């Protein structure tokens, strides 16, 4: 299992489109993905779960990945968040 904490820098945060992009990328991998914010943990392959975190710009989220391709999965998802979901 690997995990990291990242800061949401995109504006307006993890909205529906950003969540869909995150889920699409997470779903490419076999590993399980969990995303946590303020003590709430959701499936990182669920759009509704991610949106329910209300992760606004400046929020800190923790991404935890477990599985056969966990390192590559975490790197991809971390880069995605750091690069503002490639929306800018």
PDB file of N, CA and C in Angstrom:
ATOM      1  N   UNK A   1       0.849  -1.175   0.000  1.00  0.00           N
ATOM      2  CA  UNK A   1       0.000   0.000   0.000  1.00  0.00           C
ATOM      3  C   UNK A   1       0.893   1.237   0.000  1.00  0.00           C
ATOM      4  N   UNK A   2       0.512   2.207  -0.846  1.00  0.00           N
ATOM      5  CA  UNK A   2       1.221   3.479  -0.916  1.00  0.00           C
ATOM      6  C   UNK A   2       0.201   4.605  -0.787  1.00  0.00           C
ATOM      7  N   UNK A   3       0.657   5.725  -0.277  1.00  0.00           N
ATOM      8  CA  UNK A   3      -0.257   6.858  -0.135  1.00  0.00           C
ATOM      9  C   UNK A   3       0.519   8.158  -0.104  1.00  0.00           C
ATOM     10  N   UNK A   4      -0.204   9.226  -0.398  1.00  0.00           N
ATOM     11  CA  UNK A   4       0.383  10.562  -0.357  1.00  0.00           C
ATOM     12  C   UNK A   4      -0.724  11.574  -0.107  1.00  0.00           C
ATOM     13  N   UNK A   5      -0.305  12.748   0.302  1.00  0.00           N
ATOM     14  CA  UNK A   5      -1.241  13.858   0.496  1.00  0.00           C
ATOM     15  C   UNK A   5      -0.938  14.910  -0.558  1.00  0.00           C
ATOM     16  N   UNK A   6      -1.992  15.424  -1.184  1.00  0.00           N
ATOM     17  CA  UNK A   6      -1.833  16.477  -2.192  1.00  0.00           C
ATOM     18  C   UNK A   6      -2.821  17.604  -1.905  1.00  0.00           C
ATOM     19  N   UNK A   7      -2.457  18.786  -2.346  1.00  0.00           N
ATOM     20  CA  UNK A   7      -3.301  19.967  -2.192  1.00  0.00           C
ATOM     21  C   UNK A   7      -4.024  20.221  -3.513  1.00  0.00           C
ATOM     22  N   UNK A   8      -5.313  20.463  -3.425  1.00  0.00           N
ATOM     23  CA  UNK A   8      -6.100  20.785  -4.610  1.00  0.00           C
ATOM     24  C   UNK A   8      -5.777  22.225  -5.011  1.00  0.00           C
ATOM     25  N   UNK A   9      -5.250  22.410  -6.219  1.00  0.00           N
ATOM     26  CA  UNK A   9      -4.883  23.746  -6.684  1.00  0.00           C
ATOM     27  C   UNK A   9      -5.784  24.236  -7.811  1.00  0.00           C
ATOM     28  N   UNK A  10      -6.626  23.354  -8.320  1.00  0.00           N
ATOM     29  CA  UNK A  10      -7.519  23.764  -9.403  1.00  0.00           C
ATOM     30  C   UNK A  10      -8.691  24.547  -8.842  1.00  0.00           C
ATOM     31  N   UNK A  11      -9.195  25.429  -9.683  1.00  0.00           N
ATOM     32  CA  UNK A  11     -10.351  26.212  -9.274  1.00  0.00           C
ATOM     33  C   UNK A  11     -11.518  25.761 -10.125  1.00  0.00           C
ATOM     34  N   UNK A  12     -12.586  25.275  -9.605  1.00  0.00           N
ATOM     35  CA  UNK A  12     -13.112  25.416  -8.255  1.00  0.00           C
ATOM     36  C   UNK A  12     -12.866  24.214  -7.347  1.00  0.00           C
ATOM     37  N   UNK A  13     -11.876  23.388  -7.616  1.00  0.00           N
ATOM     38  CA  UNK A  13     -11.626  22.210  -6.789  1.00  0.00           C
ATOM     39  C   UNK A  13     -12.067  20.953  -7.520  1.00  0.00           C
ATOM     40  N   UNK A  14     -12.435  19.932  -6.748  1.00  0.00           N
ATOM     41  CA  UNK A  14     -12.868  18.673  -7.352  1.00  0.00           C
ATOM     42  C   UNK A  14     -14.362  18.762  -7.643  1.00  0.00           C
ATOM     43  N   UNK A  15     -14.677  19.336  -8.794  1.00  0.00           N
ATOM     44  CA  UNK A  15     -16.060  19.440  -9.244  1.00  0.00           C
ATOM     45  C   UNK A  15     -16.371  18.219 -10.094  1.00  0.00           C
ATOM     46  N   UNK A  16     -17.528  18.165 -10.695  1.00  0.00           N
ATOM     47  CA  UNK A  16     -17.973  16.976 -11.420  1.00  0.00           C
ATOM     48  C   UNK A  16     -17.024  16.584 -12.551  1.00  0.00           C
ATOM     49  N   UNK A  17     -16.599  17.531 -13.348  1.00  0.00           N
ATOM     50  CA  UNK A  17     -15.716  17.210 -14.476  1.00  0.00           C
ATOM     51  C   UNK A  17     -14.360  16.709 -13.971  1.00  0.00           C
ATOM     52  N   UNK A  18     -13.802  17.357 -12.955  1.00  0.00           N
ATOM     53  CA  UNK A  18     -12.520  16.921 -12.396  1.00  0.00           C
ATOM     54  C   UNK A  18     -12.640  15.520 -11.793  1.00  0.00           C
ATOM     55  N   UNK A  19     -13.751  15.256 -11.111  1.00  0.00           N
ATOM     56  CA  UNK A  19     -13.973  13.931 -10.528  1.00  0.00           C
ATOM     57  C   UNK A  19     -14.059  12.873 -11.622  1.00  0.00           C
ATOM     58  N   UNK A  20     -14.719  13.200 -12.727  1.00  0.00           N
ATOM     59  CA  UNK A  20     -14.835  12.249 -13.839  1.00  0.00           C
ATOM     60  C   UNK A  20     -13.465  11.946 -14.439  1.00  0.00           C
ATOM     61  N   UNK A  21     -12.621  12.956 -14.560  1.00  0.00           N
ATOM     62  CA  UNK A  21     -11.266  12.758 -15.080  1.00  0.00           C
ATOM     63  C   UNK A  21     -10.463  11.876 -14.124  1.00  0.00           C
ATOM     64  N   UNK A  22     -10.567  12.149 -12.826  1.00  0.00           N
ATOM     65  CA  UNK A  22      -9.853  11.357 -11.810  1.00  0.00           C
ATOM     66  C   UNK A  22     -10.298   9.896 -11.879  1.00  0.00           C
ATOM     67  N   UNK A  23     -11.602   9.666 -11.936  1.00  0.00           N
ATOM     68  CA  UNK A  23     -12.141   8.297 -11.975  1.00  0.00           C
ATOM     69  C   UNK A  23     -11.708   7.583 -13.250  1.00  0.00           C
ATOM     70  N   UNK A  24     -11.733   8.284 -14.363  1.00  0.00           N
ATOM     71  CA  UNK A  24     -11.299   7.669 -15.627  1.00  0.00           C
ATOM     72  C   UNK A  24      -9.855   7.192 -15.512  1.00  0.00           C
ATOM     73  N   UNK A  25      -8.986   8.039 -14.948  1.00  0.00           N
ATOM     74  CA  UNK A  25      -7.582   7.654 -14.792  1.00  0.00           C
ATOM     75  C   UNK A  25      -7.422   6.523 -13.776  1.00  0.00           C
ATOM     76  N   UNK A  26      -8.101   6.621 -12.645  1.00  0.00           N
ATOM     77  CA  UNK A  26      -8.004   5.589 -11.607  1.00  0.00           C
ATOM     78  C   UNK A  26      -8.492   4.237 -12.125  1.00  0.00           C
ATOM     79  N   UNK A  27      -9.509   4.263 -12.966  1.00  0.00           N
ATOM     80  CA  UNK A  27     -10.115   3.023 -13.475  1.00  0.00           C
ATOM     81  C   UNK A  27      -9.234   2.312 -14.499  1.00  0.00           C
ATOM     82  N   UNK A  28      -8.232   2.982 -14.996  1.00  0.00           N
ATOM     83  CA  UNK A  28      -7.293   2.336 -15.925  1.00  0.00           C
ATOM     84  C   UNK A  28      -6.427   1.298 -15.222  1.00  0.00           C
ATOM     85  N   UNK A  29      -6.360   1.383 -13.898  1.00  0.00           N
ATOM     86  CA  UNK A  29      -5.471   0.523 -13.120  1.00  0.00           C
ATOM     87  C   UNK A  29      -6.259  -0.539 -12.353  1.00  0.00           C
ATOM     88  N   UNK A  30      -5.555  -1.599 -11.980  1.00  0.00           N
ATOM     89  CA  UNK A  30      -6.180  -2.695 -11.238  1.00  0.00           C
ATOM     90  C   UNK A  30      -6.268  -2.409  -9.748  1.00  0.00           C
ATOM     91  N   UNK A  31      -5.401  -1.582  -9.234  1.00  0.00           N
ATOM     92  CA  UNK A  31      -5.328  -1.318  -7.796  1.00  0.00           C
ATOM     93  C   UNK A  31      -6.587  -0.636  -7.266  1.00  0.00           C
ATOM     94  N   UNK A  32      -6.847  -0.841  -5.987  1.00  0.00           N
ATOM     95  CA  UNK A  32      -7.930  -0.147  -5.293  1.00  0.00           C
ATOM     96  C   UNK A  32      -7.437   1.250  -4.937  1.00  0.00           C
ATOM     97  N   UNK A  33      -8.314   2.242  -5.086  1.00  0.00           N
ATOM     98  CA  UNK A  33      -7.962   3.632  -4.809  1.00  0.00           C
ATOM     99  C   UNK A  33      -8.942   4.197  -3.791  1.00  0.00           C
ATOM    100  N   UNK A  34      -8.414   4.744  -2.717  1.00  0.00           N
ATOM    101  CA  UNK A  34      -9.234   5.433  -1.718  1.00  0.00           C
ATOM    102  C   UNK A  34      -8.764   6.879  -1.644  1.00  0.00           C
ATOM    103  N   UNK A  35      -9.725   7.783  -1.472  1.00  0.00           N
ATOM    104  CA  UNK A  35      -9.409   9.199  -1.321  1.00  0.00           C
ATOM    105  C   UNK A  35     -10.037   9.658  -0.012  1.00  0.00           C
ATOM    106  N   UNK A  36      -9.259  10.373   0.810  1.00  0.00           N
ATOM    107  CA  UNK A  36      -9.720  10.801   2.120  1.00  0.00           C
ATOM    108  C   UNK A  36      -9.591  12.305   2.281  1.00  0.00           C
ATOM    109  N   UNK A  37     -10.584  12.878   2.943  1.00  0.00           N
ATOM    110  CA  UNK A  37     -10.559  14.300   3.299  1.00  0.00           C
ATOM    111  C   UNK A  37     -11.377  14.480   4.566  1.00  0.00           C
ATOM    112  N   UNK A  38     -10.800  15.147   5.544  1.00  0.00           N
ATOM    113  CA  UNK A  38     -11.493  15.457   6.803  1.00  0.00           C
ATOM    114  C   UNK A  38     -12.128  14.225   7.447  1.00  0.00           C
ATOM    115  N   UNK A  39     -11.402  13.115   7.435  1.00  0.00           N
ATOM    116  CA  UNK A  39     -11.884  11.902   8.081  1.00  0.00           C
ATOM    117  C   UNK A  39     -12.891  11.096   7.279  1.00  0.00           C
ATOM    118  N   UNK A  40     -13.235  11.562   6.085  1.00  0.00           N
ATOM    119  CA  UNK A  40     -14.165  10.840   5.224  1.00  0.00           C
ATOM    120  C   UNK A  40     -13.358  10.128   4.149  1.00  0.00           C
ATOM    121  N   UNK A  41     -13.674   8.857   3.936  1.00  0.00           N
ATOM    122  CA  UNK A  41     -12.952   8.033   2.982  1.00  0.00           C
ATOM    123  C   UNK A  41     -13.921   7.557   1.901  1.00  0.00           C
ATOM    124  N   UNK A  42     -13.546   7.748   0.627  1.00  0.00           N
ATOM    125  CA  UNK A  42     -14.412   7.326  -0.476  1.00  0.00           C
ATOM    126  C   UNK A  42     -13.611   6.523  -1.484  1.00  0.00           C
ATOM    127  N   UNK A  43     -14.338   5.786  -2.304  1.00  0.00           N
ATOM    128  CA  UNK A  43     -13.744   5.025  -3.386  1.00  0.00           C
ATOM    129  C   UNK A  43     -13.259   6.012  -4.449  1.00  0.00           C
ATOM    130  N   UNK A  44     -12.005   5.940  -4.810  1.00  0.00           N
ATOM    131  CA  UNK A  44     -11.439   6.837  -5.804  1.00  0.00           C
ATOM    132  C   UNK A  44     -11.874   6.531  -7.219  1.00  0.00           C
ATOM    133  N   UNK A  45     -12.684   5.490  -7.383  1.00  0.00           N
ATOM    134  CA  UNK A  45     -13.210   5.145  -8.706  1.00  0.00           C
ATOM    135  C   UNK A  45     -14.701   5.447  -8.773  1.00  0.00           C
ATOM    136  N   UNK A  46     -15.168   6.329  -7.885  1.00  0.00           N
ATOM    137  CA  UNK A  46     -16.572   6.726  -7.824  1.00  0.00           C
ATOM    138  C   UNK A  46     -16.689   8.240  -7.970  1.00  0.00           C
ATOM    139  N   UNK A  47     -17.338   8.681  -9.043  1.00  0.00           N
ATOM    140  CA  UNK A  47     -17.519  10.116  -9.259  1.00  0.00           C
ATOM    141  C   UNK A  47     -18.300  10.739  -8.103  1.00  0.00           C
ATOM    142  N   UNK A  48     -19.405  10.109  -7.735  1.00  0.00           N
ATOM    143  CA  UNK A  48     -20.218  10.667  -6.650  1.00  0.00           C
ATOM    144  C   UNK A  48     -19.460  10.694  -5.334  1.00  0.00           C
ATOM    145  N   UNK A  49     -18.662   9.667  -5.088  1.00  0.00           N
ATOM    146  CA  UNK A  49     -17.860   9.643  -3.868  1.00  0.00           C
ATOM    147  C   UNK A  49     -16.900  10.820  -3.814  1.00  0.00           C
ATOM    148  N   UNK A  50     -16.202  11.055  -4.914  1.00  0.00           N
ATOM    149  CA  UNK A  50     -15.239  12.161  -4.947  1.00  0.00           C
ATOM    150  C   UNK A  50     -15.918  13.513  -4.794  1.00  0.00           C
ATOM    151  N   UNK A  51     -17.030  13.712  -5.486  1.00  0.00           N
ATOM    152  CA  UNK A  51     -17.743  14.982  -5.387  1.00  0.00           C
ATOM    153  C   UNK A  51     -18.252  15.210  -3.967  1.00  0.00           C
ATOM    154  N   UNK A  52     -18.631  14.126  -3.294  1.00  0.00           N
ATOM    155  CA  UNK A  52     -19.168  14.252  -1.932  1.00  0.00           C
ATOM    156  C   UNK A  52     -18.130  14.739  -0.925  1.00  0.00           C
ATOM    157  N   UNK A  53     -16.848  14.668  -1.275  1.00  0.00           N
ATOM    158  CA  UNK A  53     -15.805  15.153  -0.365  1.00  0.00           C
ATOM    159  C   UNK A  53     -15.774  16.679  -0.285  1.00  0.00           C
ATOM    160  N   UNK A  54     -16.367  17.352  -1.246  1.00  0.00           N
ATOM    161  CA  UNK A  54     -16.364  18.821  -1.317  1.00  0.00           C
ATOM    162  C   UNK A  54     -14.930  19.337  -1.149  1.00  0.00           C
ATOM    163  N   UNK A  55     -14.056  18.858  -2.015  1.00  0.00           N
ATOM    164  CA  UNK A  55     -12.645  19.241  -1.973  1.00  0.00           C
ATOM    165  C   UNK A  55     -12.441  20.500  -2.806  1.00  0.00           C
ATOM    166  N   UNK A  56     -12.500  21.641  -2.129  1.00  0.00           N
ATOM    167  CA  UNK A  56     -12.339  22.925  -2.800  1.00  0.00           C
ATOM    168  C   UNK A  56     -10.866  23.254  -2.969  1.00  0.00           C
ATOM    169  N   UNK A  57     -10.611  24.290  -3.738  1.00  0.00           N
ATOM    170  CA  UNK A  57      -9.236  24.760  -3.925  1.00  0.00           C
ATOM    171  C   UNK A  57      -8.599  25.024  -2.557  1.00  0.00           C
ATOM    172  N   UNK A  58      -7.388  24.526  -2.368  1.00  0.00           N
ATOM    173  CA  UNK A  58      -6.680  24.680  -1.098  1.00  0.00           C
ATOM    174  C   UNK A  58      -6.886  23.519  -0.145  1.00  0.00           C
ATOM    175  N   UNK A  59      -7.844  22.642  -0.468  1.00  0.00           N
ATOM    176  CA  UNK A  59      -8.099  21.460   0.366  1.00  0.00           C
ATOM    177  C   UNK A  59      -6.956  20.472   0.241  1.00  0.00           C
ATOM    178  N   UNK A  60      -6.755  19.721   1.293  1.00  0.00           N
ATOM    179  CA  UNK A  60      -5.769  18.658   1.311  1.00  0.00           C
ATOM    180  C   UNK A  60      -6.503  17.324   1.227  1.00  0.00           C
ATOM    181  N   UNK A  61      -6.099  16.473   0.282  1.00  0.00           N
ATOM    182  CA  UNK A  61      -6.680  15.130   0.202  1.00  0.00           C
ATOM    183  C   UNK A  61      -5.559  14.107   0.298  1.00  0.00           C
ATOM    184  N   UNK A  62      -5.906  12.947   0.812  1.00  0.00           N
ATOM    185  CA  UNK A  62      -4.958  11.843   0.887  1.00  0.00           C
ATOM    186  C   UNK A  62      -5.424  10.782  -0.093  1.00  0.00           C
ATOM    187  N   UNK A  63      -4.500  10.331  -0.936  1.00  0.00           N
ATOM    188  CA  UNK A  63      -4.785   9.264  -1.900  1.00  0.00           C
ATOM    189  C   UNK A  63      -4.045   8.022  -1.430  1.00  0.00           C
ATOM    190  N   UNK A  64      -4.789   6.931  -1.247  1.00  0.00           N
ATOM    191  CA  UNK A  64      -4.204   5.662  -0.806  1.00  0.00           C
ATOM    192  C   UNK A  64      -4.497   4.608  -1.872  1.00  0.00           C
ATOM    193  N   UNK A  65      -3.457   3.875  -2.279  1.00  0.00           N
ATOM    194  CA  UNK A  65      -3.603   2.893  -3.348  1.00  0.00           C
ATOM    195  C   UNK A  65      -3.023   1.564  -2.896  1.00  0.00           C
ATOM    196  N   UNK A  66      -3.762   0.484  -3.204  1.00  0.00           N
ATOM    197  CA  UNK A  66      -3.300  -0.854  -2.840  1.00  0.00           C
ATOM    198  C   UNK A  66      -3.578  -1.793  -4.000  1.00  0.00           C
ATOM    199  N   UNK A  67      -2.534  -2.486  -4.447  1.00  0.00           N
ATOM    200  CA  UNK A  67      -2.714  -3.452  -5.518  1.00  0.00           C
ATOM    201  C   UNK A  67      -1.444  -3.681  -6.309  1.00  0.00           C
ATOM    202  N   UNK A  68      -1.579  -4.425  -7.381  1.00  0.00           N
ATOM    203  CA  UNK A  68      -0.417  -4.852  -8.157  1.00  0.00           C
ATOM    204  C   UNK A  68       0.289  -3.707  -8.883  1.00  0.00           C
ATOM    205  N   UNK A  69      -0.441  -2.663  -9.225  1.00  0.00           N
ATOM    206  CA  UNK A  69       0.163  -1.533  -9.931  1.00  0.00           C
ATOM    207  C   UNK A  69       0.044  -0.239  -9.117  1.00  0.00           C
ATOM    208  N   UNK A  70       0.179  -0.393  -7.798  1.00  0.00           N
ATOM    209  CA  UNK A  70      -0.087   0.725  -6.886  1.00  0.00           C
ATOM    210  C   UNK A  70       0.842   1.917  -7.071  1.00  0.00           C
ATOM    211  N   UNK A  71       2.114   1.681  -7.325  1.00  0.00           N
ATOM    212  CA  UNK A  71       3.058   2.790  -7.461  1.00  0.00           C
ATOM    213  C   UNK A  71       2.727   3.620  -8.701  1.00  0.00           C
ATOM    214  N   UNK A  72       2.519   2.971  -9.825  1.00  0.00           N
ATOM    215  CA  UNK A  72       2.174   3.679 -11.054  1.00  0.00           C
ATOM    216  C   UNK A  72       0.833   4.407 -10.916  1.00  0.00           C
ATOM    217  N   UNK A  73      -0.116   3.763 -10.256  1.00  0.00           N
ATOM    218  CA  UNK A  73      -1.433   4.372 -10.041  1.00  0.00           C
ATOM    219  C   UNK A  73      -1.298   5.647  -9.225  1.00  0.00           C
ATOM    220  N   UNK A  74      -0.579   5.572  -8.119  1.00  0.00           N
ATOM    221  CA  UNK A  74      -0.415   6.741  -7.247  1.00  0.00           C
ATOM    222  C   UNK A  74       0.309   7.871  -7.975  1.00  0.00           C
ATOM    223  N   UNK A  75       1.344   7.545  -8.718  1.00  0.00           N
ATOM    224  CA  UNK A  75       2.075   8.569  -9.464  1.00  0.00           C
ATOM    225  C   UNK A  75       1.169   9.267 -10.474  1.00  0.00           C
ATOM    226  N   UNK A  76       0.366   8.496 -11.190  1.00  0.00           N
ATOM    227  CA  UNK A  76      -0.532   9.053 -12.199  1.00  0.00           C
ATOM    228  C   UNK A  76      -1.567   9.969 -11.568  1.00  0.00           C
ATOM    229  N   UNK A  77      -2.179   9.523 -10.473  1.00  0.00           N
ATOM    230  CA  UNK A  77      -3.228  10.312  -9.832  1.00  0.00           C
ATOM    231  C   UNK A  77      -2.666  11.552  -9.140  1.00  0.00           C
ATOM    232  N   UNK A  78      -1.491  11.433  -8.561  1.00  0.00           N
ATOM    233  CA  UNK A  78      -0.847  12.585  -7.933  1.00  0.00           C
ATOM    234  C   UNK A  78      -0.510  13.638  -8.982  1.00  0.00           C
ATOM    235  N   UNK A  79       0.059  13.211 -10.096  1.00  0.00           N
ATOM    236  CA  UNK A  79       0.367  14.151 -11.185  1.00  0.00           C
ATOM    237  C   UNK A  79      -0.905  14.814 -11.701  1.00  0.00           C
ATOM    238  N   UNK A  80      -1.968  14.047 -11.813  1.00  0.00           N
ATOM    239  CA  UNK A  80      -3.242  14.583 -12.293  1.00  0.00           C
ATOM    240  C   UNK A  80      -3.732  15.719 -11.397  1.00  0.00           C
ATOM    241  N   UNK A  81      -3.709  15.506 -10.091  1.00  0.00           N
ATOM    242  CA  UNK A  81      -4.170  16.530  -9.151  1.00  0.00           C
ATOM    243  C   UNK A  81      -3.223  17.732  -9.175  1.00  0.00           C
ATOM    244  N   UNK A  82      -1.937  17.479  -9.162  1.00  0.00           N
ATOM    245  CA  UNK A  82      -0.964  18.581  -9.161  1.00  0.00           C
ATOM    246  C   UNK A  82      -1.042  19.417 -10.439  1.00  0.00           C
ATOM    247  N   UNK A  83      -1.471  18.798 -11.526  1.00  0.00           N
ATOM    248  CA  UNK A  83      -1.596  19.494 -12.808  1.00  0.00           C
ATOM    249  C   UNK A  83      -3.018  19.964 -13.073  1.00  0.00           C
ATOM    250  N   UNK A  84      -3.777  20.169 -11.995  1.00  0.00           N
ATOM    251  CA  UNK A  84      -5.118  20.740 -12.056  1.00  0.00           C
ATOM    252  C   UNK A  84      -6.052  19.971 -12.980  1.00  0.00           C
ATOM    253  N   UNK A  85      -5.913  18.631 -12.950  1.00  0.00           N
ATOM    254  CA  UNK A  85      -6.766  17.748 -13.738  1.00  0.00           C
ATOM    255  C   UNK A  85      -6.642  18.034 -15.232  1.00  0.00           C
ATOM    256  N   UNK A  86      -5.526  18.636 -15.625  1.00  0.00           N
ATOM    257  CA  UNK A  86      -5.225  18.982 -17.018  1.00  0.00           C
ATOM    258  C   UNK A  86      -6.326  19.835 -17.642  1.00  0.00           C
ATOM    259  N   UNK A  87      -6.978  20.649 -16.826  1.00  0.00           N
ATOM    260  CA  UNK A  87      -8.060  21.495 -17.318  1.00  0.00           C
ATOM    261  C   UNK A  87      -7.606  22.912 -17.664  1.00  0.00           C
ATOM    262  N   UNK A  88      -6.442  23.312 -17.227  1.00  0.00           N
ATOM    263  CA  UNK A  88      -5.976  24.678 -17.508  1.00  0.00           C
ATOM    264  C   UNK A  88      -5.184  24.726 -18.799  1.00  0.00           C
TER     265      UNK A  88
END
